[in-house]
Amino acid sequence: MKLRLALVDDHRVVTASLKSYLESFADMQVVGIAGSGEELLQKIGEWRPQVVLQDLLLPGGMDGIETIRRAMERMPEVRMIALTASTDEARMMGALQAGAAGYVRKDAEPEVLLAAVRAVAMGRTYIDPSVGHWLAQSAGHGQGQLTAREGEVLRRLAMGLSNKEIAVALGLSEETVKSHVGSLLGKLDAGNRAQAVVQALKRGLLGLEELG
């Protein structure tokens, strides 16, 4: 079964190039292209994409972050990847807070975009490696160092494992894992798992290789 993708960008050259590249892989199908957040929300129920690649700078009255939030309210199971032309930590955290599972620069190599699509489709968080390196270099180690067990939970969380899967992998109860995840979010000052991954990268608690 093909992976169903939707593209959101007001530049037709960009969406045409993305469509051509992604559909060169036999397991991918672009089911819809929108030029604005409003158009995505209007069509998402009809298209039913599994992954949406969306520019954060969109025309109209709805910006990219709000589009992500509303799209996920309508279709919670969809996986959103934010595309950006700049490295802006506040914007990235806003996109992740809204529910995006991936964050990729527009000037990334095509292989990076492909890796992002495949990763988020499997339930993982994907941060463009160039952004990850920038994060690691732009901030030092923060307070709230993790326990060894929390570190183990964090690494599996970054790989996209559910609480139940982490519990099985570590031989813990699901309730214990839930408690560790809650502690992680508090220590990393994160609102969700994707934000926790970004904060862990910033503080040197997680390496980019551990996202795969």
N, C-alpha and C. Protein backbone atom coordinates (compact mmCIF):
# COMPACT_ATOMS: atom_id res chain seq x y z
N MET A 1 0.84 -1.20 0.00
CA MET A 1 0.00 0.00 0.00
C MET A 1 0.88 1.25 0.00
N LYS A 2 0.53 2.21 -0.80
CA LYS A 2 1.35 3.41 -0.93
C LYS A 2 1.12 4.38 0.24
N LEU A 3 2.18 5.09 0.57
CA LEU A 3 2.11 6.12 1.59
C LEU A 3 1.47 7.35 0.97
N ARG A 4 0.37 7.82 1.58
CA ARG A 4 -0.40 8.93 1.03
C ARG A 4 0.13 10.26 1.58
N LEU A 5 0.52 11.15 0.65
CA LEU A 5 1.14 12.42 1.03
C LEU A 5 0.33 13.60 0.51
N ALA A 6 0.37 14.69 1.26
CA ALA A 6 -0.21 15.96 0.78
C ALA A 6 0.86 17.03 0.92
N LEU A 7 0.86 17.99 0.00
CA LEU A 7 1.84 19.07 -0.02
C LEU A 7 1.13 20.41 0.15
N VAL A 8 1.72 21.28 0.96
CA VAL A 8 1.12 22.61 1.18
C VAL A 8 2.20 23.68 0.98
N ASP A 9 2.09 24.42 -0.11
CA ASP A 9 3.03 25.49 -0.43
C ASP A 9 2.39 26.33 -1.52
N ASP A 10 2.56 27.65 -1.46
CA ASP A 10 1.93 28.50 -2.47
C ASP A 10 2.80 28.67 -3.71
N HIS A 11 3.95 28.05 -3.74
CA HIS A 11 4.82 28.12 -4.92
C HIS A 11 4.67 26.83 -5.73
N ARG A 12 4.10 26.96 -6.91
CA ARG A 12 3.81 25.76 -7.70
C ARG A 12 5.06 25.03 -8.15
N VAL A 13 6.12 25.77 -8.39
CA VAL A 13 7.37 25.13 -8.79
C VAL A 13 7.86 24.21 -7.67
N VAL A 14 7.70 24.66 -6.44
CA VAL A 14 8.13 23.86 -5.28
C VAL A 14 7.31 22.59 -5.17
N THR A 15 5.98 22.72 -5.24
CA THR A 15 5.14 21.53 -5.08
C THR A 15 5.29 20.58 -6.26
N ALA A 16 5.50 21.12 -7.46
CA ALA A 16 5.69 20.25 -8.63
C ALA A 16 6.98 19.45 -8.48
N SER A 17 8.03 20.11 -7.99
CA SER A 17 9.31 19.43 -7.79
C SER A 17 9.20 18.37 -6.69
N LEU A 18 8.54 18.73 -5.60
CA LEU A 18 8.35 17.77 -4.51
C LEU A 18 7.56 16.56 -4.97
N LYS A 19 6.49 16.81 -5.71
CA LYS A 19 5.64 15.72 -6.19
C LYS A 19 6.44 14.79 -7.10
N SER A 20 7.19 15.37 -8.01
CA SER A 20 7.98 14.57 -8.94
C SER A 20 9.00 13.71 -8.20
N TYR A 21 9.66 14.31 -7.23
CA TYR A 21 10.69 13.58 -6.48
C TYR A 21 10.07 12.46 -5.64
N LEU A 22 9.05 12.79 -4.87
CA LEU A 22 8.47 11.81 -3.96
C LEU A 22 7.82 10.65 -4.71
N GLU A 23 7.17 10.97 -5.83
CA GLU A 23 6.50 9.90 -6.58
C GLU A 23 7.47 9.09 -7.45
N SER A 24 8.76 9.46 -7.41
CA SER A 24 9.75 8.62 -8.09
C SER A 24 10.00 7.35 -7.27
N PHE A 25 9.48 7.33 -6.03
CA PHE A 25 9.57 6.15 -5.18
C PHE A 25 8.23 5.40 -5.27
N ALA A 26 8.32 4.12 -5.56
CA ALA A 26 7.12 3.34 -5.86
C ALA A 26 6.12 3.27 -4.71
N ASP A 27 6.58 3.50 -3.49
CA ASP A 27 5.69 3.35 -2.34
C ASP A 27 5.07 4.67 -1.89
N MET A 28 5.19 5.72 -2.71
CA MET A 28 4.65 7.02 -2.31
C MET A 28 3.70 7.60 -3.35
N GLN A 29 2.66 8.25 -2.87
CA GLN A 29 1.67 8.87 -3.75
C GLN A 29 1.25 10.22 -3.18
N VAL A 30 1.34 11.26 -3.98
CA VAL A 30 0.86 12.58 -3.57
C VAL A 30 -0.63 12.65 -3.91
N VAL A 31 -1.46 12.71 -2.87
CA VAL A 31 -2.91 12.66 -3.08
C VAL A 31 -3.53 14.05 -3.16
N GLY A 32 -2.75 15.10 -2.83
CA GLY A 32 -3.31 16.44 -2.91
C GLY A 32 -2.26 17.51 -2.73
N ILE A 33 -2.50 18.66 -3.33
CA ILE A 33 -1.62 19.82 -3.22
C ILE A 33 -2.47 21.04 -2.88
N ALA A 34 -2.10 21.74 -1.81
CA ALA A 34 -2.83 22.94 -1.39
C ALA A 34 -1.90 24.14 -1.43
N GLY A 35 -2.47 25.30 -1.76
CA GLY A 35 -1.68 26.52 -1.83
C GLY A 35 -1.78 27.38 -0.59
N SER A 36 -2.62 26.95 0.36
CA SER A 36 -2.80 27.73 1.59
C SER A 36 -3.29 26.80 2.70
N GLY A 37 -3.21 27.29 3.93
CA GLY A 37 -3.72 26.52 5.06
C GLY A 37 -5.21 26.28 4.95
N GLU A 38 -5.92 27.31 4.50
CA GLU A 38 -7.37 27.17 4.36
C GLU A 38 -7.73 26.06 3.38
N GLU A 39 -6.99 25.99 2.28
CA GLU A 39 -7.27 24.96 1.29
C GLU A 39 -6.97 23.56 1.84
N LEU A 40 -5.89 23.43 2.61
CA LEU A 40 -5.59 22.13 3.22
C LEU A 40 -6.73 21.68 4.12
N LEU A 41 -7.21 22.58 4.97
CA LEU A 41 -8.28 22.22 5.90
C LEU A 41 -9.56 21.85 5.16
N GLN A 42 -9.78 22.49 4.04
CA GLN A 42 -10.97 22.20 3.24
C GLN A 42 -10.89 20.82 2.60
N LYS A 43 -9.67 20.39 2.24
CA LYS A 43 -9.50 19.17 1.47
C LYS A 43 -8.99 17.96 2.26
N ILE A 44 -8.49 18.17 3.47
CA ILE A 44 -7.80 17.10 4.17
C ILE A 44 -8.69 15.88 4.42
N GLY A 45 -9.97 16.14 4.69
CA GLY A 45 -10.89 15.03 4.91
C GLY A 45 -11.12 14.19 3.66
N GLU A 46 -11.07 14.85 2.52
CA GLU A 46 -11.24 14.15 1.24
C GLU A 46 -9.96 13.41 0.85
N TRP A 47 -8.81 14.06 1.04
CA TRP A 47 -7.54 13.45 0.65
C TRP A 47 -7.10 12.34 1.61
N ARG A 48 -7.33 12.54 2.89
CA ARG A 48 -6.92 11.62 3.94
C ARG A 48 -5.45 11.21 3.83
N PRO A 49 -4.55 12.19 3.83
CA PRO A 49 -3.12 11.87 3.74
C PRO A 49 -2.61 11.28 5.06
N GLN A 50 -1.56 10.51 4.96
CA GLN A 50 -0.89 10.00 6.16
C GLN A 50 0.19 10.97 6.62
N VAL A 51 0.83 11.64 5.65
CA VAL A 51 1.88 12.62 5.94
C VAL A 51 1.61 13.89 5.15
N VAL A 52 1.76 15.04 5.80
CA VAL A 52 1.62 16.34 5.13
C VAL A 52 2.94 17.08 5.24
N LEU A 53 3.46 17.53 4.09
CA LEU A 53 4.65 18.40 4.07
C LEU A 53 4.16 19.81 3.84
N GLN A 54 4.45 20.69 4.79
CA GLN A 54 3.85 22.02 4.76
C GLN A 54 4.83 23.14 5.02
N ASP A 55 4.80 24.13 4.14
CA ASP A 55 5.59 25.35 4.34
C ASP A 55 5.03 26.08 5.56
N LEU A 56 5.90 26.73 6.32
CA LEU A 56 5.43 27.49 7.48
C LEU A 56 4.99 28.90 7.11
N LEU A 57 5.47 29.40 5.97
CA LEU A 57 5.05 30.74 5.52
C LEU A 57 4.01 30.60 4.44
N LEU A 58 2.76 30.79 4.80
CA LEU A 58 1.66 30.59 3.87
C LEU A 58 0.87 31.88 3.66
N PRO A 59 0.28 32.04 2.49
CA PRO A 59 -0.54 33.23 2.22
C PRO A 59 -1.90 33.10 2.91
N GLY A 60 -2.63 34.18 2.94
CA GLY A 60 -3.96 34.13 3.53
C GLY A 60 -3.93 34.50 5.00
N GLY A 61 -5.03 34.25 5.67
CA GLY A 61 -5.17 34.67 7.06
C GLY A 61 -4.68 33.67 8.07
N MET A 62 -4.19 32.50 7.66
CA MET A 62 -3.79 31.46 8.59
C MET A 62 -2.32 31.10 8.36
N ASP A 63 -1.50 31.24 9.39
CA ASP A 63 -0.09 30.93 9.21
C ASP A 63 0.15 29.42 9.33
N GLY A 64 1.40 29.03 9.10
CA GLY A 64 1.72 27.61 9.07
C GLY A 64 1.50 26.90 10.38
N ILE A 65 1.85 27.55 11.49
CA ILE A 65 1.70 26.92 12.79
C ILE A 65 0.22 26.69 13.12
N GLU A 66 -0.60 27.67 12.85
CA GLU A 66 -2.04 27.51 13.09
C GLU A 66 -2.63 26.45 12.17
N THR A 67 -2.12 26.36 10.94
CA THR A 67 -2.59 25.33 10.01
C THR A 67 -2.28 23.94 10.55
N ILE A 68 -1.09 23.76 11.08
CA ILE A 68 -0.72 22.47 11.67
C ILE A 68 -1.67 22.12 12.81
N ARG A 69 -1.92 23.08 13.68
CA ARG A 69 -2.78 22.84 14.84
C ARG A 69 -4.19 22.43 14.39
N ARG A 70 -4.75 23.17 13.45
CA ARG A 70 -6.12 22.89 13.02
C ARG A 70 -6.21 21.59 12.23
N ALA A 71 -5.19 21.32 11.42
CA ALA A 71 -5.20 20.08 10.63
C ALA A 71 -5.19 18.88 11.56
N MET A 72 -4.41 18.96 12.64
CA MET A 72 -4.32 17.83 13.56
C MET A 72 -5.56 17.71 14.44
N GLU A 73 -6.26 18.81 14.64
CA GLU A 73 -7.53 18.74 15.34
C GLU A 73 -8.55 17.98 14.50
N ARG A 74 -8.50 18.19 13.18
CA ARG A 74 -9.45 17.52 12.28
C ARG A 74 -9.06 16.08 12.01
N MET A 75 -7.76 15.82 11.98
CA MET A 75 -7.28 14.47 11.67
C MET A 75 -6.08 14.16 12.57
N PRO A 76 -6.33 13.76 13.81
CA PRO A 76 -5.25 13.55 14.79
C PRO A 76 -4.20 12.54 14.36
N GLU A 77 -4.57 11.62 13.49
CA GLU A 77 -3.61 10.57 13.09
C GLU A 77 -2.63 11.03 12.03
N VAL A 78 -2.86 12.20 11.41
CA VAL A 78 -1.97 12.66 10.34
C VAL A 78 -0.63 13.08 10.93
N ARG A 79 0.44 12.88 10.17
CA ARG A 79 1.79 13.26 10.59
C ARG A 79 2.22 14.47 9.77
N MET A 80 2.60 15.53 10.45
CA MET A 80 2.93 16.79 9.78
C MET A 80 4.42 17.05 9.81
N ILE A 81 4.96 17.48 8.65
CA ILE A 81 6.35 17.90 8.55
C ILE A 81 6.37 19.38 8.16
N ALA A 82 7.00 20.20 8.99
CA ALA A 82 7.11 21.62 8.69
C ALA A 82 8.33 21.87 7.82
N LEU A 83 8.13 22.62 6.72
CA LEU A 83 9.22 23.01 5.84
C LEU A 83 9.51 24.49 6.05
N THR A 84 10.79 24.86 6.16
CA THR A 84 11.12 26.24 6.43
C THR A 84 12.36 26.67 5.65
N ALA A 85 12.43 27.95 5.36
CA ALA A 85 13.58 28.48 4.63
C ALA A 85 14.63 29.02 5.60
N SER A 86 14.32 29.05 6.89
CA SER A 86 15.26 29.62 7.85
C SER A 86 15.33 28.77 9.11
N THR A 87 16.38 28.98 9.88
CA THR A 87 16.53 28.31 11.18
C THR A 87 16.07 29.29 12.24
N ASP A 88 14.91 29.03 12.76
CA ASP A 88 14.30 29.92 13.76
C ASP A 88 13.77 29.02 14.87
N GLU A 89 14.46 29.03 16.00
CA GLU A 89 14.08 28.11 17.08
C GLU A 89 12.66 28.35 17.58
N ALA A 90 12.27 29.61 17.72
CA ALA A 90 10.93 29.91 18.21
C ALA A 90 9.87 29.36 17.27
N ARG A 91 10.11 29.52 15.97
CA ARG A 91 9.15 29.02 14.99
C ARG A 91 9.11 27.48 15.01
N MET A 92 10.30 26.87 15.15
CA MET A 92 10.35 25.41 15.20
C MET A 92 9.60 24.89 16.41
N MET A 93 9.84 25.48 17.57
CA MET A 93 9.15 25.03 18.77
C MET A 93 7.65 25.26 18.66
N GLY A 94 7.27 26.35 18.00
CA GLY A 94 5.85 26.60 17.79
C GLY A 94 5.22 25.52 16.92
N ALA A 95 5.93 25.13 15.86
CA ALA A 95 5.42 24.09 14.96
C ALA A 95 5.31 22.76 15.69
N LEU A 96 6.32 22.43 16.50
CA LEU A 96 6.29 21.17 17.25
C LEU A 96 5.21 21.20 18.32
N GLN A 97 5.03 22.35 18.97
CA GLN A 97 3.97 22.49 19.97
C GLN A 97 2.61 22.29 19.33
N ALA A 98 2.47 22.76 18.10
CA ALA A 98 1.20 22.61 17.37
C ALA A 98 0.95 21.16 16.96
N GLY A 99 2.00 20.35 16.96
CA GLY A 99 1.81 18.93 16.65
C GLY A 99 2.67 18.37 15.53
N ALA A 100 3.53 19.20 14.91
CA ALA A 100 4.38 18.69 13.84
C ALA A 100 5.32 17.61 14.39
N ALA A 101 5.57 16.58 13.58
CA ALA A 101 6.48 15.50 13.97
C ALA A 101 7.83 15.65 13.30
N GLY A 102 7.91 16.53 12.30
CA GLY A 102 9.16 16.72 11.59
C GLY A 102 9.41 18.17 11.28
N TYR A 103 10.68 18.53 11.10
CA TYR A 103 11.06 19.91 10.80
C TYR A 103 12.25 19.85 9.86
N VAL A 104 12.07 20.35 8.63
CA VAL A 104 13.10 20.23 7.59
C VAL A 104 13.30 21.57 6.90
N ARG A 105 14.56 21.93 6.67
CA ARG A 105 14.86 23.14 5.92
C ARG A 105 14.60 22.92 4.44
N LYS A 106 14.14 23.97 3.77
CA LYS A 106 13.83 23.86 2.34
C LYS A 106 15.06 23.63 1.48
N ASP A 107 16.23 24.02 1.99
CA ASP A 107 17.44 23.82 1.21
C ASP A 107 18.15 22.51 1.56
N ALA A 108 17.45 21.64 2.28
CA ALA A 108 18.03 20.34 2.63
C ALA A 108 18.20 19.46 1.38
N GLU A 109 19.10 18.51 1.47
CA GLU A 109 19.26 17.56 0.38
C GLU A 109 17.98 16.74 0.26
N PRO A 110 17.62 16.32 -0.97
CA PRO A 110 16.40 15.53 -1.15
C PRO A 110 16.35 14.29 -0.26
N GLU A 111 17.52 13.71 0.00
CA GLU A 111 17.57 12.51 0.84
C GLU A 111 17.11 12.80 2.27
N VAL A 112 17.33 14.05 2.73
CA VAL A 112 16.90 14.44 4.07
C VAL A 112 15.37 14.48 4.13
N LEU A 113 14.77 15.06 3.10
CA LEU A 113 13.32 15.12 3.05
C LEU A 113 12.72 13.72 3.00
N LEU A 114 13.32 12.85 2.19
CA LEU A 114 12.84 11.47 2.10
C LEU A 114 12.95 10.78 3.45
N ALA A 115 14.08 10.98 4.13
CA ALA A 115 14.26 10.37 5.45
C ALA A 115 13.22 10.87 6.43
N ALA A 116 12.88 12.17 6.34
CA ALA A 116 11.88 12.75 7.22
C ALA A 116 10.51 12.12 6.99
N VAL A 117 10.14 11.98 5.72
CA VAL A 117 8.84 11.38 5.39
C VAL A 117 8.76 9.96 5.93
N ARG A 118 9.78 9.18 5.69
CA ARG A 118 9.77 7.78 6.14
C ARG A 118 9.78 7.68 7.66
N ALA A 119 10.53 8.57 8.31
CA ALA A 119 10.62 8.52 9.77
C ALA A 119 9.30 8.87 10.44
N VAL A 120 8.68 9.98 10.03
CA VAL A 120 7.43 10.37 10.69
C VAL A 120 6.30 9.39 10.37
N ALA A 121 6.35 8.80 9.20
CA ALA A 121 5.34 7.80 8.85
C ALA A 121 5.42 6.60 9.78
N MET A 122 6.61 6.35 10.33
CA MET A 122 6.81 5.24 11.25
C MET A 122 6.61 5.65 12.71
N GLY A 123 6.16 6.89 12.92
CA GLY A 123 5.87 7.35 14.27
C GLY A 123 7.00 8.06 14.97
N ARG A 124 8.09 8.34 14.24
CA ARG A 124 9.24 8.98 14.85
C ARG A 124 9.19 10.49 14.70
N THR A 125 10.04 11.16 15.46
CA THR A 125 10.26 12.59 15.31
C THR A 125 11.48 12.76 14.41
N TYR A 126 11.42 13.71 13.49
CA TYR A 126 12.57 13.94 12.61
C TYR A 126 12.92 15.42 12.60
N ILE A 127 14.16 15.73 12.99
CA ILE A 127 14.67 17.09 12.93
C ILE A 127 15.79 17.11 11.91
N ASP A 128 15.71 18.00 10.94
CA ASP A 128 16.75 18.15 9.94
C ASP A 128 18.12 18.17 10.63
N PRO A 129 19.06 17.30 10.21
CA PRO A 129 20.36 17.26 10.87
C PRO A 129 21.07 18.60 10.94
N SER A 130 20.92 19.44 9.90
CA SER A 130 21.58 20.75 9.94
C SER A 130 21.00 21.61 11.07
N VAL A 131 19.70 21.47 11.31
CA VAL A 131 19.07 22.20 12.42
C VAL A 131 19.51 21.61 13.75
N GLY A 132 19.62 20.29 13.78
CA GLY A 132 20.06 19.62 15.00
C GLY A 132 21.46 20.05 15.40
N HIS A 133 22.36 20.14 14.42
CA HIS A 133 23.73 20.59 14.71
C HIS A 133 23.73 22.02 15.20
N TRP A 134 22.91 22.86 14.57
CA TRP A 134 22.81 24.26 14.97
C TRP A 134 22.30 24.37 16.41
N LEU A 135 21.30 23.56 16.75
CA LEU A 135 20.77 23.57 18.11
C LEU A 135 21.85 23.20 19.12
N ALA A 136 22.58 22.13 18.77
CA ALA A 136 23.60 21.64 19.69
C ALA A 136 24.70 22.69 19.91
N GLN A 137 24.98 23.49 18.87
CA GLN A 137 26.06 24.46 18.97
C GLN A 137 25.59 25.79 19.58
N SER A 138 24.29 26.03 19.50
CA SER A 138 23.79 27.36 19.92
C SER A 138 23.40 27.43 21.38
N ALA A 139 23.39 26.28 22.04
CA ALA A 139 22.99 26.29 23.44
C ALA A 139 23.83 25.29 24.23
N GLY A 140 24.06 25.60 25.46
CA GLY A 140 24.84 24.71 26.30
C GLY A 140 23.95 23.71 27.01
N HIS A 141 24.54 23.01 27.93
CA HIS A 141 23.77 22.03 28.70
C HIS A 141 22.87 22.76 29.69
N GLY A 142 21.63 22.35 29.71
CA GLY A 142 20.68 22.98 30.62
C GLY A 142 20.60 22.26 31.94
N GLN A 143 19.80 22.81 32.83
CA GLN A 143 19.62 22.20 34.12
C GLN A 143 18.70 20.99 33.96
N GLY A 144 18.57 20.24 35.04
CA GLY A 144 17.65 19.11 35.00
C GLY A 144 18.23 17.91 34.28
N GLN A 145 19.43 17.48 34.68
CA GLN A 145 20.02 16.29 34.08
C GLN A 145 19.15 15.08 34.38
N LEU A 146 19.18 14.13 33.47
CA LEU A 146 18.29 12.98 33.56
C LEU A 146 18.93 11.82 34.31
N THR A 147 18.11 10.98 34.90
CA THR A 147 18.60 9.74 35.49
C THR A 147 18.92 8.77 34.35
N ALA A 148 19.65 7.72 34.67
CA ALA A 148 20.00 6.72 33.66
C ALA A 148 18.74 6.13 33.03
N ARG A 149 17.75 5.85 33.86
CA ARG A 149 16.51 5.26 33.34
C ARG A 149 15.77 6.25 32.44
N GLU A 150 15.74 7.50 32.84
CA GLU A 150 15.09 8.51 32.01
C GLU A 150 15.81 8.65 30.67
N GLY A 151 17.13 8.51 30.69
CA GLY A 151 17.90 8.54 29.44
C GLY A 151 17.50 7.40 28.52
N GLU A 152 17.31 6.22 29.09
CA GLU A 152 16.89 5.06 28.29
C GLU A 152 15.50 5.29 27.70
N VAL A 153 14.62 5.86 28.49
CA VAL A 153 13.26 6.15 28.01
C VAL A 153 13.31 7.21 26.92
N LEU A 154 14.12 8.25 27.11
CA LEU A 154 14.24 9.32 26.13
C LEU A 154 14.70 8.79 24.78
N ARG A 155 15.72 7.93 24.77
CA ARG A 155 16.24 7.40 23.50
C ARG A 155 15.18 6.60 22.75
N ARG A 156 14.38 5.86 23.47
CA ARG A 156 13.33 5.07 22.81
C ARG A 156 12.16 5.95 22.41
N LEU A 157 11.89 6.97 23.20
CA LEU A 157 10.87 7.95 22.85
C LEU A 157 11.24 8.63 21.53
N ALA A 158 12.53 8.97 21.39
CA ALA A 158 13.01 9.64 20.17
C ALA A 158 12.87 8.75 18.95
N MET A 159 12.90 7.44 19.16
CA MET A 159 12.75 6.50 18.05
C MET A 159 11.29 6.27 17.66
N GLY A 160 10.37 6.91 18.40
CA GLY A 160 8.97 6.81 18.05
C GLY A 160 8.21 5.70 18.75
N LEU A 161 8.83 5.08 19.75
CA LEU A 161 8.14 3.99 20.45
C LEU A 161 7.04 4.54 21.35
N SER A 162 5.96 3.80 21.47
CA SER A 162 4.87 4.17 22.36
C SER A 162 5.26 3.80 23.79
N ASN A 163 4.48 4.29 24.76
CA ASN A 163 4.75 3.93 26.16
C ASN A 163 4.74 2.41 26.35
N LYS A 164 3.81 1.74 25.70
CA LYS A 164 3.70 0.29 25.82
C LYS A 164 4.94 -0.40 25.25
N GLU A 165 5.40 0.08 24.10
CA GLU A 165 6.59 -0.51 23.47
C GLU A 165 7.85 -0.25 24.31
N ILE A 166 7.93 0.94 24.90
CA ILE A 166 9.07 1.26 25.77
C ILE A 166 9.04 0.35 26.99
N ALA A 167 7.85 0.14 27.54
CA ALA A 167 7.71 -0.73 28.71
C ALA A 167 8.21 -2.14 28.42
N VAL A 168 7.84 -2.67 27.27
CA VAL A 168 8.27 -4.02 26.89
C VAL A 168 9.79 -4.05 26.71
N ALA A 169 10.33 -3.03 26.03
CA ALA A 169 11.76 -2.99 25.74
C ALA A 169 12.60 -2.91 27.01
N LEU A 170 12.10 -2.20 28.01
CA LEU A 170 12.88 -1.97 29.22
C LEU A 170 12.45 -2.85 30.39
N GLY A 171 11.44 -3.68 30.17
CA GLY A 171 10.97 -4.56 31.24
C GLY A 171 10.31 -3.81 32.39
N LEU A 172 9.59 -2.74 32.05
CA LEU A 172 8.90 -1.93 33.04
C LEU A 172 7.39 -2.00 32.84
N SER A 173 6.64 -1.53 33.83
CA SER A 173 5.20 -1.42 33.64
C SER A 173 4.91 -0.19 32.80
N GLU A 174 3.77 -0.20 32.12
CA GLU A 174 3.41 0.95 31.29
C GLU A 174 3.21 2.19 32.15
N GLU A 175 2.70 1.99 33.37
CA GLU A 175 2.48 3.11 34.28
C GLU A 175 3.80 3.75 34.69
N THR A 176 4.83 2.92 34.89
CA THR A 176 6.15 3.44 35.25
C THR A 176 6.73 4.26 34.10
N VAL A 177 6.58 3.75 32.88
CA VAL A 177 7.08 4.48 31.72
C VAL A 177 6.36 5.81 31.59
N LYS A 178 5.05 5.80 31.80
CA LYS A 178 4.27 7.04 31.73
C LYS A 178 4.80 8.06 32.74
N SER A 179 5.17 7.59 33.92
CA SER A 179 5.71 8.46 34.95
C SER A 179 7.06 9.04 34.50
N HIS A 180 7.91 8.20 33.90
CA HIS A 180 9.21 8.66 33.42
C HIS A 180 9.05 9.70 32.31
N VAL A 181 8.10 9.46 31.40
CA VAL A 181 7.87 10.41 30.30
C VAL A 181 7.41 11.76 30.87
N GLY A 182 6.52 11.71 31.85
CA GLY A 182 6.07 12.95 32.48
C GLY A 182 7.21 13.71 33.13
N SER A 183 8.12 12.95 33.78
CA SER A 183 9.28 13.57 34.40
C SER A 183 10.20 14.18 33.36
N LEU A 184 10.38 13.47 32.24
CA LEU A 184 11.21 13.97 31.13
C LEU A 184 10.67 15.29 30.60
N LEU A 185 9.38 15.34 30.36
CA LEU A 185 8.78 16.56 29.81
C LEU A 185 8.97 17.73 30.78
N GLY A 186 8.85 17.44 32.08
CA GLY A 186 9.04 18.50 33.07
C GLY A 186 10.47 18.99 33.11
N LYS A 187 11.43 18.07 33.14
CA LYS A 187 12.84 18.44 33.22
C LYS A 187 13.31 19.18 31.96
N LEU A 188 12.73 18.81 30.82
CA LEU A 188 13.14 19.42 29.56
C LEU A 188 12.28 20.62 29.18
N ASP A 189 11.32 20.94 30.06
CA ASP A 189 10.43 22.08 29.81
C ASP A 189 9.78 21.94 28.43
N ALA A 190 9.23 20.75 28.18
CA ALA A 190 8.64 20.43 26.88
C ALA A 190 7.16 20.13 27.02
N GLY A 191 6.40 20.56 26.02
CA GLY A 191 4.95 20.33 26.03
C GLY A 191 4.54 19.01 25.43
N ASN A 192 5.43 18.40 24.63
CA ASN A 192 5.12 17.11 24.02
C ASN A 192 6.42 16.39 23.68
N ARG A 193 6.31 15.20 23.09
CA ARG A 193 7.49 14.38 22.84
C ARG A 193 8.45 15.02 21.82
N ALA A 194 7.89 15.62 20.78
CA ALA A 194 8.74 16.24 19.77
C ALA A 194 9.56 17.38 20.37
N GLN A 195 8.93 18.18 21.21
CA GLN A 195 9.65 19.27 21.87
C GLN A 195 10.72 18.71 22.81
N ALA A 196 10.42 17.59 23.46
CA ALA A 196 11.39 16.96 24.36
C ALA A 196 12.64 16.56 23.58
N VAL A 197 12.45 16.03 22.38
CA VAL A 197 13.58 15.63 21.54
C VAL A 197 14.45 16.84 21.20
N VAL A 198 13.82 17.95 20.82
CA VAL A 198 14.56 19.16 20.47
C VAL A 198 15.35 19.68 21.69
N GLN A 199 14.70 19.72 22.83
CA GLN A 199 15.38 20.21 24.04
C GLN A 199 16.54 19.29 24.43
N ALA A 200 16.35 17.98 24.24
CA ALA A 200 17.41 17.03 24.55
C ALA A 200 18.60 17.21 23.61
N LEU A 201 18.32 17.50 22.34
CA LEU A 201 19.39 17.79 21.39
C LEU A 201 20.16 19.04 21.82
N LYS A 202 19.43 20.07 22.22
CA LYS A 202 20.06 21.33 22.63
C LYS A 202 20.98 21.12 23.82
N ARG A 203 20.58 20.26 24.73
CA ARG A 203 21.33 20.09 25.97
C ARG A 203 22.39 18.99 25.88
N GLY A 204 22.51 18.41 24.69
CA GLY A 204 23.52 17.37 24.53
C GLY A 204 23.14 16.05 25.18
N LEU A 205 21.84 15.87 25.48
CA LEU A 205 21.37 14.65 26.13
C LEU A 205 20.99 13.58 25.11
N LEU A 206 20.98 13.97 23.86
CA LEU A 206 20.56 13.07 22.78
C LEU A 206 21.37 13.41 21.54
N GLY A 207 21.84 12.40 20.83
CA GLY A 207 22.57 12.64 19.59
C GLY A 207 21.66 12.45 18.39
N LEU A 208 21.97 13.13 17.29
CA LEU A 208 21.16 13.01 16.09
C LEU A 208 21.03 11.56 15.62
N GLU A 209 22.10 10.78 15.83
CA GLU A 209 22.06 9.38 15.40
C GLU A 209 21.02 8.57 16.17
N GLU A 210 20.61 9.08 17.33
CA GLU A 210 19.64 8.35 18.14
C GLU A 210 18.19 8.60 17.70
N LEU A 211 18.00 9.50 16.76
CA LEU A 211 16.66 9.72 16.22
C LEU A 211 16.28 8.65 15.21
N GLY A 212 17.26 7.93 14.69
CA GLY A 212 16.98 6.93 13.65
C GLY A 212 16.68 5.58 14.18
